[in-house]
Amino acid sequence: MKKVVDFLAEKNCVLKSLESIDLSLVKTRKKLRIYSGVNEKSFYTVIFQIGQKSRFVKKNAQEIIDLEQKLERAVSHAYKYKYVLIASPLCSLAKKMMKNNGWSVYEVSHDTL
């Protein structure tokens, strides 16, 4: 989690609190990590950390958007800032889809995560 906090601090996103979300809350078995936090201005922030080895395509992007919506229903609040940290090759259409839905997409190396 410290690496994620340090990476976001480089991107000018400082969080007051950060907690890991249990994947059973959104009923998924995907290999990812979800963090929820509050930034300095008291806005809710969600971070999806994806470390898959295969290419991240449009289908994966839709699944992440759906998981975030399930998470919003489970915790009863909306997230103003949404980040996804991807350590695999990223399809340009998937990146565009994520950005159009309000996500900030960062391609990182496996070492960063």
PDB file of N, CA and C in Angstrom:
ATOM      1  N   MET A   1       0.825  -1.186   0.000  1.00  0.00           N
ATOM      2  CA  MET A   1       0.000   0.000   0.000  1.00  0.00           C
ATOM      3  C   MET A   1       0.874   1.256   0.000  1.00  0.00           C
ATOM      4  N   LYS A   2       2.052   1.182   0.608  1.00  0.00           N
ATOM      5  CA  LYS A   2       2.931   2.343   0.670  1.00  0.00           C
ATOM      6  C   LYS A   2       3.370   2.781  -0.729  1.00  0.00           C
ATOM      7  N   LYS A   3       3.625   1.812  -1.607  1.00  0.00           N
ATOM      8  CA  LYS A   3       4.031   2.147  -2.967  1.00  0.00           C
ATOM      9  C   LYS A   3       2.923   2.893  -3.706  1.00  0.00           C
ATOM     10  N   VAL A   4       1.678   2.500  -3.455  1.00  0.00           N
ATOM     11  CA  VAL A   4       0.535   3.165  -4.088  1.00  0.00           C
ATOM     12  C   VAL A   4       0.423   4.594  -3.575  1.00  0.00           C
ATOM     13  N   VAL A   5       0.576   4.780  -2.265  1.00  0.00           N
ATOM     14  CA  VAL A   5       0.501   6.120  -1.677  1.00  0.00           C
ATOM     15  C   VAL A   5       1.615   7.006  -2.229  1.00  0.00           C
ATOM     16  N   ASP A   6       2.820   6.475  -2.318  1.00  0.00           N
ATOM     17  CA  ASP A   6       3.944   7.242  -2.858  1.00  0.00           C
ATOM     18  C   ASP A   6       3.720   7.603  -4.319  1.00  0.00           C
ATOM     19  N   PHE A   7       3.203   6.663  -5.099  1.00  0.00           N
ATOM     20  CA  PHE A   7       2.940   6.929  -6.516  1.00  0.00           C
ATOM     21  C   PHE A   7       1.903   8.037  -6.670  1.00  0.00           C
ATOM     22  N   LEU A   8       0.828   7.976  -5.888  1.00  0.00           N
ATOM     23  CA  LEU A   8      -0.211   9.001  -5.988  1.00  0.00           C
ATOM     24  C   LEU A   8       0.279  10.354  -5.481  1.00  0.00           C
ATOM     25  N   ALA A   9       1.175  10.353  -4.505  1.00  0.00           N
ATOM     26  CA  ALA A   9       1.735  11.612  -4.016  1.00  0.00           C
ATOM     27  C   ALA A   9       2.525  12.306  -5.123  1.00  0.00           C
ATOM     28  N   GLU A  10       3.212  11.525  -5.954  1.00  0.00           N
ATOM     29  CA  GLU A  10       3.916  12.092  -7.102  1.00  0.00           C
ATOM     30  C   GLU A  10       2.946  12.745  -8.084  1.00  0.00           C
ATOM     31  N   LYS A  11       1.725  12.238  -8.130  1.00  0.00           N
ATOM     32  CA  LYS A  11       0.696  12.754  -9.049  1.00  0.00           C
ATOM     33  C   LYS A  11      -0.183  13.810  -8.378  1.00  0.00           C
ATOM     34  N   ASN A  12       0.274  14.361  -7.251  1.00  0.00           N
ATOM     35  CA  ASN A  12      -0.432  15.410  -6.500  1.00  0.00           C
ATOM     36  C   ASN A  12      -1.781  14.958  -5.957  1.00  0.00           C
ATOM     37  N   CYS A  13      -1.859  13.718  -5.530  1.00  0.00           N
ATOM     38  CA  CYS A  13      -3.068  13.196  -4.893  1.00  0.00           C
ATOM     39  C   CYS A  13      -2.672  12.708  -3.501  1.00  0.00           C
ATOM     40  N   VAL A  14      -2.875  13.561  -2.505  1.00  0.00           N
ATOM     41  CA  VAL A  14      -2.519  13.223  -1.132  1.00  0.00           C
ATOM     42  C   VAL A  14      -3.792  12.821  -0.403  1.00  0.00           C
ATOM     43  N   LEU A  15      -3.756  11.654   0.225  1.00  0.00           N
ATOM     44  CA  LEU A  15      -4.927  11.120   0.905  1.00  0.00           C
ATOM     45  C   LEU A  15      -4.764  11.213   2.420  1.00  0.00           C
ATOM     46  N   LYS A  16      -5.841  11.640   3.107  1.00  0.00           N
ATOM     47  CA  LYS A  16      -5.823  11.687   4.572  1.00  0.00           C
ATOM     48  C   LYS A  16      -5.948  10.294   5.157  1.00  0.00           C
ATOM     49  N   SER A  17      -6.767   9.476   4.525  1.00  0.00           N
ATOM     50  CA  SER A  17      -6.946   8.104   4.997  1.00  0.00           C
ATOM     51  C   SER A  17      -7.025   7.176   3.788  1.00  0.00           C
ATOM     52  N   LEU A  18      -6.608   5.938   4.001  1.00  0.00           N
ATOM     53  CA  LEU A  18      -6.637   4.950   2.930  1.00  0.00           C
ATOM     54  C   LEU A  18      -6.823   3.577   3.551  1.00  0.00           C
ATOM     55  N   GLU A  19      -7.773   2.823   3.024  1.00  0.00           N
ATOM     56  CA  GLU A  19      -8.002   1.467   3.524  1.00  0.00           C
ATOM     57  C   GLU A  19      -8.191   0.515   2.363  1.00  0.00           C
ATOM     58  N   SER A  20      -7.828  -0.712   2.589  1.00  0.00           N
ATOM     59  CA  SER A  20      -7.987  -1.746   1.584  1.00  0.00           C
ATOM     60  C   SER A  20      -9.415  -2.280   1.642  1.00  0.00           C
ATOM     61  N   ILE A  21     -10.015  -2.511   0.488  1.00  0.00           N
ATOM     62  CA  ILE A  21     -11.384  -3.020   0.402  1.00  0.00           C
ATOM     63  C   ILE A  21     -11.326  -4.522   0.144  1.00  0.00           C
ATOM     64  N   ASP A  22     -12.097  -5.270   0.903  1.00  0.00           N
ATOM     65  CA  ASP A  22     -12.177  -6.717   0.711  1.00  0.00           C
ATOM     66  C   ASP A  22     -12.934  -7.002  -0.590  1.00  0.00           C
ATOM     67  N   LEU A  23     -12.369  -7.858  -1.430  1.00  0.00           N
ATOM     68  CA  LEU A  23     -12.984  -8.150  -2.737  1.00  0.00           C
ATOM     69  C   LEU A  23     -14.324  -8.864  -2.606  1.00  0.00           C
ATOM     70  N   SER A  24     -14.569  -9.512  -1.485  1.00  0.00           N
ATOM     71  CA  SER A  24     -15.863 -10.179  -1.305  1.00  0.00           C
ATOM     72  C   SER A  24     -16.997  -9.160  -1.186  1.00  0.00           C
ATOM     73  N   LEU A  25     -16.671  -7.914  -0.849  1.00  0.00           N
ATOM     74  CA  LEU A  25     -17.679  -6.859  -0.760  1.00  0.00           C
ATOM     75  C   LEU A  25     -18.317  -6.581  -2.119  1.00  0.00           C
ATOM     76  N   VAL A  26     -17.516  -6.691  -3.187  1.00  0.00           N
ATOM     77  CA  VAL A  26     -18.033  -6.479  -4.541  1.00  0.00           C
ATOM     78  C   VAL A  26     -18.233  -7.794  -5.279  1.00  0.00           C
ATOM     79  N   LYS A  27     -18.056  -8.894  -4.570  1.00  0.00           N
ATOM     80  CA  LYS A  27     -18.310 -10.238  -5.093  1.00  0.00           C
ATOM     81  C   LYS A  27     -17.516 -10.511  -6.377  1.00  0.00           C
ATOM     82  N   THR A  28     -16.197 -10.412  -6.257  1.00  0.00           N
ATOM     83  CA  THR A  28     -15.345 -10.715  -7.396  1.00  0.00           C
ATOM     84  C   THR A  28     -14.172 -11.577  -6.941  1.00  0.00           C
ATOM     85  N   ARG A  29     -13.642 -12.335  -7.886  1.00  0.00           N
ATOM     86  CA  ARG A  29     -12.464 -13.156  -7.620  1.00  0.00           C
ATOM     87  C   ARG A  29     -11.300 -12.700  -8.490  1.00  0.00           C
ATOM     88  N   LYS A  30     -11.421 -11.540  -9.089  1.00  0.00           N
ATOM     89  CA  LYS A  30     -10.370 -11.014  -9.955  1.00  0.00           C
ATOM     90  C   LYS A  30      -9.104 -10.736  -9.150  1.00  0.00           C
ATOM     91  N   LYS A  31      -7.982 -10.790  -9.854  1.00  0.00           N
ATOM     92  CA  LYS A  31      -6.705 -10.528  -9.207  1.00  0.00           C
ATOM     93  C   LYS A  31      -6.419  -9.031  -9.269  1.00  0.00           C
ATOM     94  N   LEU A  32      -6.959  -8.321  -8.308  1.00  0.00           N
ATOM     95  CA  LEU A  32      -6.746  -6.887  -8.216  1.00  0.00           C
ATOM     96  C   LEU A  32      -6.840  -6.468  -6.763  1.00  0.00           C
ATOM     97  N   ARG A  33      -6.445  -5.246  -6.513  1.00  0.00           N
ATOM     98  CA  ARG A  33      -6.580  -4.674  -5.170  1.00  0.00           C
ATOM     99  C   ARG A  33      -7.374  -3.394  -5.295  1.00  0.00           C
ATOM    100  N   ILE A  34      -8.225  -3.163  -4.307  1.00  0.00           N
ATOM    101  CA  ILE A  34      -9.043  -1.957  -4.300  1.00  0.00           C
ATOM    102  C   ILE A  34      -8.764  -1.207  -3.006  1.00  0.00           C
ATOM    103  N   TYR A  35      -8.521   0.094  -3.144  1.00  0.00           N
ATOM    104  CA  TYR A  35      -8.301   0.953  -1.987  1.00  0.00           C
ATOM    105  C   TYR A  35      -9.323   2.082  -2.015  1.00  0.00           C
ATOM    106  N   SER A  36      -9.792   2.448  -0.845  1.00  0.00           N
ATOM    107  CA  SER A  36     -10.732   3.550  -0.716  1.00  0.00           C
ATOM    108  C   SER A  36     -10.152   4.539   0.279  1.00  0.00           C
ATOM    109  N   GLY A  37     -10.259   5.815  -0.037  1.00  0.00           N
ATOM    110  CA  GLY A  37      -9.697   6.812   0.856  1.00  0.00           C
ATOM    111  C   GLY A  37     -10.400   8.147   0.721  1.00  0.00           C
ATOM    112  N   VAL A  38      -9.929   9.079   1.549  1.00  0.00           N
ATOM    113  CA  VAL A  38     -10.456  10.438   1.548  1.00  0.00           C
ATOM    114  C   VAL A  38      -9.279  11.372   1.316  1.00  0.00           C
ATOM    115  N   ASN A  39      -9.431  12.300   0.359  1.00  0.00           N
ATOM    116  CA  ASN A  39      -8.322  13.208   0.077  1.00  0.00           C
ATOM    117  C   ASN A  39      -8.380  14.423   0.995  1.00  0.00           C
ATOM    118  N   GLU A  40      -7.475  15.375   0.791  1.00  0.00           N
ATOM    119  CA  GLU A  40      -7.363  16.541   1.666  1.00  0.00           C
ATOM    120  C   GLU A  40      -8.622  17.405   1.680  1.00  0.00           C
ATOM    121  N   LYS A  41      -9.384  17.379   0.603  1.00  0.00           N
ATOM    122  CA  LYS A  41     -10.594  18.196   0.505  1.00  0.00           C
ATOM    123  C   LYS A  41     -11.843  17.415   0.913  1.00  0.00           C
ATOM    124  N   SER A  42     -11.646  16.259   1.547  1.00  0.00           N
ATOM    125  CA  SER A  42     -12.727  15.393   2.047  1.00  0.00           C
ATOM    126  C   SER A  42     -13.580  14.783   0.944  1.00  0.00           C
ATOM    127  N   PHE A  43     -12.997  14.549  -0.217  1.00  0.00           N
ATOM    128  CA  PHE A  43     -13.684  13.844  -1.283  1.00  0.00           C
ATOM    129  C   PHE A  43     -13.262  12.374  -1.256  1.00  0.00           C
ATOM    130  N   TYR A  44     -14.208  11.491  -1.516  1.00  0.00           N
ATOM    131  CA  TYR A  44     -13.899  10.066  -1.550  1.00  0.00           C
ATOM    132  C   TYR A  44     -13.126   9.724  -2.823  1.00  0.00           C
ATOM    133  N   THR A  45     -12.143   8.852  -2.657  1.00  0.00           N
ATOM    134  CA  THR A  45     -11.273   8.435  -3.753  1.00  0.00           C
ATOM    135  C   THR A  45     -11.193   6.919  -3.772  1.00  0.00           C
ATOM    136  N   VAL A  46     -11.256   6.326  -4.966  1.00  0.00           N
ATOM    137  CA  VAL A  46     -11.103   4.878  -5.094  1.00  0.00           C
ATOM    138  C   VAL A  46      -9.926   4.599  -6.029  1.00  0.00           C
ATOM    139  N   ILE A  47      -9.140   3.592  -5.658  1.00  0.00           N
ATOM    140  CA  ILE A  47      -7.963   3.215  -6.442  1.00  0.00           C
ATOM    141  C   ILE A  47      -8.042   1.724  -6.735  1.00  0.00           C
ATOM    142  N   PHE A  48      -7.997   1.377  -8.007  1.00  0.00           N
ATOM    143  CA  PHE A  48      -7.947  -0.021  -8.426  1.00  0.00           C
ATOM    144  C   PHE A  48      -6.518  -0.293  -8.885  1.00  0.00           C
ATOM    145  N   GLN A  49      -5.895  -1.295  -8.305  1.00  0.00           N
ATOM    146  CA  GLN A  49      -4.537  -1.693  -8.665  1.00  0.00           C
ATOM    147  C   GLN A  49      -4.620  -3.034  -9.383  1.00  0.00           C
ATOM    148  N   ILE A  50      -4.268  -3.039 -10.664  1.00  0.00           N
ATOM    149  CA  ILE A  50      -4.422  -4.232 -11.495  1.00  0.00           C
ATOM    150  C   ILE A  50      -3.048  -4.708 -11.929  1.00  0.00           C
ATOM    151  N   GLY A  51      -2.734  -5.953 -11.623  1.00  0.00           N
ATOM    152  CA  GLY A  51      -1.423  -6.489 -11.950  1.00  0.00           C
ATOM    153  C   GLY A  51      -1.473  -7.666 -12.906  1.00  0.00           C
ATOM    154  N   GLN A  52      -2.475  -7.737 -13.748  1.00  0.00           N
ATOM    155  CA  GLN A  52      -2.582  -8.870 -14.676  1.00  0.00           C
ATOM    156  C   GLN A  52      -1.457  -8.826 -15.700  1.00  0.00           C
ATOM    157  N   LYS A  53      -1.160  -9.973 -16.284  1.00  0.00           N
ATOM    158  CA  LYS A  53      -0.065 -10.054 -17.248  1.00  0.00           C
ATOM    159  C   LYS A  53      -0.553  -9.879 -18.682  1.00  0.00           C
ATOM    160  N   SER A  54      -1.805 -10.206 -18.931  1.00  0.00           N
ATOM    161  CA  SER A  54      -2.330 -10.088 -20.295  1.00  0.00           C
ATOM    162  C   SER A  54      -2.782  -8.649 -20.563  1.00  0.00           C
ATOM    163  N   ARG A  55      -2.995  -8.358 -21.815  1.00  0.00           N
ATOM    164  CA  ARG A  55      -3.377  -7.012 -22.248  1.00  0.00           C
ATOM    165  C   ARG A  55      -4.695  -6.576 -21.609  1.00  0.00           C
ATOM    166  N   PHE A  56      -4.764  -5.330 -21.167  1.00  0.00           N
ATOM    167  CA  PHE A  56      -5.969  -4.748 -20.574  1.00  0.00           C
ATOM    168  C   PHE A  56      -6.793  -4.163 -21.713  1.00  0.00           C
ATOM    169  N   VAL A  57      -7.932  -4.807 -22.012  1.00  0.00           N
ATOM    170  CA  VAL A  57      -8.753  -4.424 -23.164  1.00  0.00           C
ATOM    171  C   VAL A  57     -10.065  -3.805 -22.705  1.00  0.00           C
ATOM    172  N   LYS A  58     -10.881  -3.423 -23.676  1.00  0.00           N
ATOM    173  CA  LYS A  58     -12.141  -2.727 -23.419  1.00  0.00           C
ATOM    174  C   LYS A  58     -13.070  -3.534 -22.501  1.00  0.00           C
ATOM    175  N   LYS A  59     -13.078  -4.845 -22.658  1.00  0.00           N
ATOM    176  CA  LYS A  59     -13.909  -5.706 -21.813  1.00  0.00           C
ATOM    177  C   LYS A  59     -13.484  -5.584 -20.351  1.00  0.00           C
ATOM    178  N   ASN A  60     -12.181  -5.546 -20.100  1.00  0.00           N
ATOM    179  CA  ASN A  60     -11.669  -5.378 -18.746  1.00  0.00           C
ATOM    180  C   ASN A  60     -12.049  -4.012 -18.178  1.00  0.00           C
ATOM    181  N   ALA A  61     -12.005  -2.997 -19.027  1.00  0.00           N
ATOM    182  CA  ALA A  61     -12.366  -1.642 -18.591  1.00  0.00           C
ATOM    183  C   ALA A  61     -13.827  -1.602 -18.138  1.00  0.00           C
ATOM    184  N   GLN A  62     -14.704  -2.242 -18.892  1.00  0.00           N
ATOM    185  CA  GLN A  62     -16.119  -2.266 -18.512  1.00  0.00           C
ATOM    186  C   GLN A  62     -16.311  -3.011 -17.196  1.00  0.00           C
ATOM    187  N   GLU A  63     -15.552  -4.082 -16.984  1.00  0.00           N
ATOM    188  CA  GLU A  63     -15.651  -4.835 -15.734  1.00  0.00           C
ATOM    189  C   GLU A  63     -15.231  -3.981 -14.545  1.00  0.00           C
ATOM    190  N   ILE A  64     -14.184  -3.178 -14.704  1.00  0.00           N
ATOM    191  CA  ILE A  64     -13.723  -2.299 -13.624  1.00  0.00           C
ATOM    192  C   ILE A  64     -14.770  -1.231 -13.328  1.00  0.00           C
ATOM    193  N   ILE A  65     -15.365  -0.670 -14.355  1.00  0.00           N
ATOM    194  CA  ILE A  65     -16.422   0.334 -14.166  1.00  0.00           C
ATOM    195  C   ILE A  65     -17.603  -0.287 -13.425  1.00  0.00           C
ATOM    196  N   ASP A  66     -17.978  -1.514 -13.790  1.00  0.00           N
ATOM    197  CA  ASP A  66     -19.075  -2.207 -13.115  1.00  0.00           C
ATOM    198  C   ASP A  66     -18.733  -2.505 -11.657  1.00  0.00           C
ATOM    199  N   LEU A  67     -17.490  -2.912 -11.395  1.00  0.00           N
ATOM    200  CA  LEU A  67     -17.070  -3.184 -10.013  1.00  0.00           C
ATOM    201  C   LEU A  67     -17.134  -1.918  -9.166  1.00  0.00           C
ATOM    202  N   GLU A  68     -16.747  -0.790  -9.746  1.00  0.00           N
ATOM    203  CA  GLU A  68     -16.796   0.474  -9.006  1.00  0.00           C
ATOM    204  C   GLU A  68     -18.232   0.846  -8.674  1.00  0.00           C
ATOM    205  N   GLN A  69     -19.159   0.591  -9.584  1.00  0.00           N
ATOM    206  CA  GLN A  69     -20.566   0.875  -9.316  1.00  0.00           C
ATOM    207  C   GLN A  69     -21.110  -0.039  -8.222  1.00  0.00           C
ATOM    208  N   LYS A  70     -20.702  -1.315  -8.223  1.00  0.00           N
ATOM    209  CA  LYS A  70     -21.098  -2.231  -7.140  1.00  0.00           C
ATOM    210  C   LYS A  70     -20.554  -1.749  -5.804  1.00  0.00           C
ATOM    211  N   LEU A  71     -19.312  -1.271  -5.818  1.00  0.00           N
ATOM    212  CA  LEU A  71     -18.687  -0.777  -4.600  1.00  0.00           C
ATOM    213  C   LEU A  71     -19.419   0.445  -4.066  1.00  0.00           C
ATOM    214  N   GLU A  72     -19.827   1.337  -4.956  1.00  0.00           N
ATOM    215  CA  GLU A  72     -20.580   2.526  -4.532  1.00  0.00           C
ATOM    216  C   GLU A  72     -21.891   2.125  -3.852  1.00  0.00           C
ATOM    217  N   ARG A  73     -22.558   1.118  -4.400  1.00  0.00           N
ATOM    218  CA  ARG A  73     -23.811   0.651  -3.774  1.00  0.00           C
ATOM    219  C   ARG A  73     -23.533  -0.007  -2.425  1.00  0.00           C
ATOM    220  N   ALA A  74     -22.425  -0.734  -2.324  1.00  0.00           N
ATOM    221  CA  ALA A  74     -22.107  -1.454  -1.087  1.00  0.00           C
ATOM    222  C   ALA A  74     -21.734  -0.514   0.056  1.00  0.00           C
ATOM    223  N   VAL A  75     -21.028   0.569  -0.251  1.00  0.00           N
ATOM    224  CA  VAL A  75     -20.587   1.485   0.804  1.00  0.00           C
ATOM    225  C   VAL A  75     -21.482   2.715   0.932  1.00  0.00           C
ATOM    226  N   SER A  76     -22.471   2.848   0.098  1.00  0.00           N
ATOM    227  CA  SER A  76     -23.485   3.907   0.164  1.00  0.00           C
ATOM    228  C   SER A  76     -22.928   5.320  -0.004  1.00  0.00           C
ATOM    229  N   HIS A  77     -21.933   5.482  -0.823  1.00  0.00           N
ATOM    230  CA  HIS A  77     -21.483   6.819  -1.204  1.00  0.00           C
ATOM    231  C   HIS A  77     -20.780   6.753  -2.552  1.00  0.00           C
ATOM    232  N   ALA A  78     -20.709   7.902  -3.212  1.00  0.00           N
ATOM    233  CA  ALA A  78     -20.085   7.963  -4.537  1.00  0.00           C
ATOM    234  C   ALA A  78     -18.636   8.405  -4.408  1.00  0.00           C
ATOM    235  N   TYR A  79     -17.837   8.033  -5.377  1.00  0.00           N
ATOM    236  CA  TYR A  79     -16.431   8.414  -5.407  1.00  0.00           C
ATOM    237  C   TYR A  79     -16.247   9.546  -6.409  1.00  0.00           C
ATOM    238  N   LYS A  80     -15.648  10.639  -5.960  1.00  0.00           N
ATOM    239  CA  LYS A  80     -15.406  11.758  -6.860  1.00  0.00           C
ATOM    240  C   LYS A  80     -14.167  11.510  -7.716  1.00  0.00           C
ATOM    241  N   TYR A  81     -13.128  10.931  -7.120  1.00  0.00           N
ATOM    242  CA  TYR A  81     -11.893  10.667  -7.843  1.00  0.00           C
ATOM    243  C   TYR A  81     -11.689   9.170  -7.973  1.00  0.00           C
ATOM    244  N   LYS A  82     -11.395   8.735  -9.198  1.00  0.00           N
ATOM    245  CA  LYS A  82     -11.232   7.311  -9.488  1.00  0.00           C
ATOM    246  C   LYS A  82      -9.922   7.115 -10.238  1.00  0.00           C
ATOM    247  N   TYR A  83      -9.066   6.266  -9.681  1.00  0.00           N
ATOM    248  CA  TYR A  83      -7.769   5.992 -10.289  1.00  0.00           C
ATOM    249  C   TYR A  83      -7.651   4.507 -10.568  1.00  0.00           C
ATOM    250  N   VAL A  84      -6.988   4.182 -11.665  1.00  0.00           N
ATOM    251  CA  VAL A  84      -6.665   2.789 -11.951  1.00  0.00           C
ATOM    252  C   VAL A  84      -5.178   2.733 -12.300  1.00  0.00           C
ATOM    253  N   LEU A  85      -4.463   1.856 -11.596  1.00  0.00           N
ATOM    254  CA  LEU A  85      -3.035   1.654 -11.820  1.00  0.00           C
ATOM    255  C   LEU A  85      -2.878   0.302 -12.503  1.00  0.00           C
ATOM    256  N   ILE A  86      -2.384   0.309 -13.723  1.00  0.00           N
ATOM    257  CA  ILE A  86      -2.321  -0.906 -14.539  1.00  0.00           C
ATOM    258  C   ILE A  86      -0.873  -1.248 -14.839  1.00  0.00           C
ATOM    259  N   ALA A  87      -0.505  -2.487 -14.553  1.00  0.00           N
ATOM    260  CA  ALA A  87       0.871  -2.944 -14.788  1.00  0.00           C
ATOM    261  C   ALA A  87       0.950  -3.897 -15.979  1.00  0.00           C
ATOM    262  N   SER A  88       0.081  -3.733 -16.946  1.00  0.00           N
ATOM    263  CA  SER A  88       0.088  -4.587 -18.136  1.00  0.00           C
ATOM    264  C   SER A  88      -0.090  -3.690 -19.364  1.00  0.00           C
ATOM    265  N   PRO A  89       0.126  -4.231 -20.547  1.00  0.00           N
ATOM    266  CA  PRO A  89      -0.119  -3.426 -21.755  1.00  0.00           C
ATOM    267  C   PRO A  89      -1.573  -2.958 -21.795  1.00  0.00           C
ATOM    268  N   LEU A  90      -1.780  -1.750 -22.243  1.00  0.00           N
ATOM    269  CA  LEU A  90      -3.103  -1.130 -22.197  1.00  0.00           C
ATOM    270  C   LEU A  90      -3.585  -0.797 -23.607  1.00  0.00           C
ATOM    271  N   CYS A  91      -4.770  -1.257 -23.933  1.00  0.00           N
ATOM    272  CA  CYS A  91      -5.410  -0.959 -25.210  1.00  0.00           C
ATOM    273  C   CYS A  91      -5.856   0.507 -25.210  1.00  0.00           C
ATOM    274  N   SER A  92      -5.640   1.204 -26.306  1.00  0.00           N
ATOM    275  CA  SER A  92      -5.988   2.622 -26.373  1.00  0.00           C
ATOM    276  C   SER A  92      -7.499   2.847 -26.243  1.00  0.00           C
ATOM    277  N   LEU A  93      -8.301   1.927 -26.773  1.00  0.00           N
ATOM    278  CA  LEU A  93      -9.758   2.064 -26.646  1.00  0.00           C
ATOM    279  C   LEU A  93     -10.204   1.895 -25.202  1.00  0.00           C
ATOM    280  N   ALA A  94      -9.546   1.004 -24.460  1.00  0.00           N
ATOM    281  CA  ALA A  94      -9.872   0.810 -23.048  1.00  0.00           C
ATOM    282  C   ALA A  94      -9.517   2.062 -22.249  1.00  0.00           C
ATOM    283  N   LYS A  95      -8.371   2.648 -22.559  1.00  0.00           N
ATOM    284  CA  LYS A  95      -7.948   3.864 -21.863  1.00  0.00           C
ATOM    285  C   LYS A  95      -8.929   5.003 -22.135  1.00  0.00           C
ATOM    286  N   LYS A  96      -9.338   5.139 -23.383  1.00  0.00           N
ATOM    287  CA  LYS A  96     -10.291   6.187 -23.753  1.00  0.00           C
ATOM    288  C   LYS A  96     -11.633   5.974 -23.047  1.00  0.00           C
ATOM    289  N   MET A  97     -12.082   4.724 -22.970  1.00  0.00           N
ATOM    290  CA  MET A  97     -13.339   4.405 -22.301  1.00  0.00           C
ATOM    291  C   MET A  97     -13.274   4.760 -20.820  1.00  0.00           C
ATOM    292  N   MET A  98     -12.152   4.433 -20.178  1.00  0.00           N
ATOM    293  CA  MET A  98     -11.990   4.746 -18.754  1.00  0.00           C
ATOM    294  C   MET A  98     -11.998   6.264 -18.536  1.00  0.00           C
ATOM    295  N   LYS A  99     -11.278   6.993 -19.373  1.00  0.00           N
ATOM    296  CA  LYS A  99     -11.220   8.449 -19.234  1.00  0.00           C
ATOM    297  C   LYS A  99     -12.589   9.084 -19.450  1.00  0.00           C
ATOM    298  N   ASN A 100     -13.368   8.560 -20.402  1.00  0.00           N
ATOM    299  CA  ASN A 100     -14.710   9.088 -20.662  1.00  0.00           C
ATOM    300  C   ASN A 100     -15.654   8.842 -19.491  1.00  0.00           C
ATOM    301  N   ASN A 101     -15.342   7.848 -18.654  1.00  0.00           N
ATOM    302  CA  ASN A 101     -16.162   7.550 -17.482  1.00  0.00           C
ATOM    303  C   ASN A 101     -15.594   8.157 -16.200  1.00  0.00           C
ATOM    304  N   GLY A 102     -14.660   9.090 -16.329  1.00  0.00           N
ATOM    305  CA  GLY A 102     -14.171   9.825 -15.172  1.00  0.00           C
ATOM    306  C   GLY A 102     -12.993   9.204 -14.442  1.00  0.00           C
ATOM    307  N   TRP A 103     -12.307   8.267 -15.055  1.00  0.00           N
ATOM    308  CA  TRP A 103     -11.174   7.600 -14.424  1.00  0.00           C
ATOM    309  C   TRP A 103      -9.866   8.252 -14.857  1.00  0.00           C
ATOM    310  N   SER A 104      -8.900   8.255 -13.940  1.00  0.00           N
ATOM    311  CA  SER A 104      -7.525   8.615 -14.275  1.00  0.00           C
ATOM    312  C   SER A 104      -6.764   7.304 -14.408  1.00  0.00           C
ATOM    313  N   VAL A 105      -6.160   7.094 -15.564  1.00  0.00           N
ATOM    314  CA  VAL A 105      -5.493   5.827 -15.859  1.00  0.00           C
ATOM    315  C   VAL A 105      -3.984   6.040 -15.860  1.00  0.00           C
ATOM    316  N   TYR A 106      -3.275   5.211 -15.088  1.00  0.00           N
ATOM    317  CA  TYR A 106      -1.821   5.284 -15.025  1.00  0.00           C
ATOM    318  C   TYR A 106      -1.242   3.917 -15.352  1.00  0.00           C
ATOM    319  N   GLU A 107      -0.343   3.910 -16.323  1.00  0.00           N
ATOM    320  CA  GLU A 107       0.388   2.676 -16.636  1.00  0.00           C
ATOM    321  C   GLU A 107       1.660   2.686 -15.808  1.00  0.00           C
ATOM    322  N   VAL A 108       1.832   1.645 -15.007  1.00  0.00           N
ATOM    323  CA  VAL A 108       2.993   1.545 -14.126  1.00  0.00           C
ATOM    324  C   VAL A 108       3.711   0.234 -14.382  1.00  0.00           C
ATOM    325  N   SER A 109       4.938   0.145 -13.909  1.00  0.00           N
ATOM    326  CA  SER A 109       5.676  -1.111 -14.049  1.00  0.00           C
ATOM    327  C   SER A 109       5.324  -2.028 -12.893  1.00  0.00           C
ATOM    328  N   HIS A 110       5.619  -3.310 -13.033  1.00  0.00           N
ATOM    329  CA  HIS A 110       5.358  -4.258 -11.962  1.00  0.00           C
ATOM    330  C   HIS A 110       6.179  -3.918 -10.722  1.00  0.00           C
ATOM    331  N   ASP A 111       7.324  -3.256 -10.916  1.00  0.00           N
ATOM    332  CA  ASP A 111       8.170  -2.866  -9.785  1.00  0.00           C
ATOM    333  C   ASP A 111       7.487  -1.803  -8.922  1.00  0.00           C
ATOM    334  N   THR A 112       6.717  -0.908  -9.581  1.00  0.00           N
ATOM    335  CA  THR A 112       6.045   0.167  -8.863  1.00  0.00           C
ATOM    336  C   THR A 112       4.956  -0.385  -7.951  1.00  0.00           C
ATOM    337  N   LEU A 113       4.318  -1.455  -8.380  1.00  0.00           N
ATOM    338  CA  LEU A 113       3.248  -2.042  -7.577  1.00  0.00           C
ATOM    339  C   LEU A 113       3.826  -3.091  -6.677  1.00  0.00           C
TER     340      LEU A 113
END
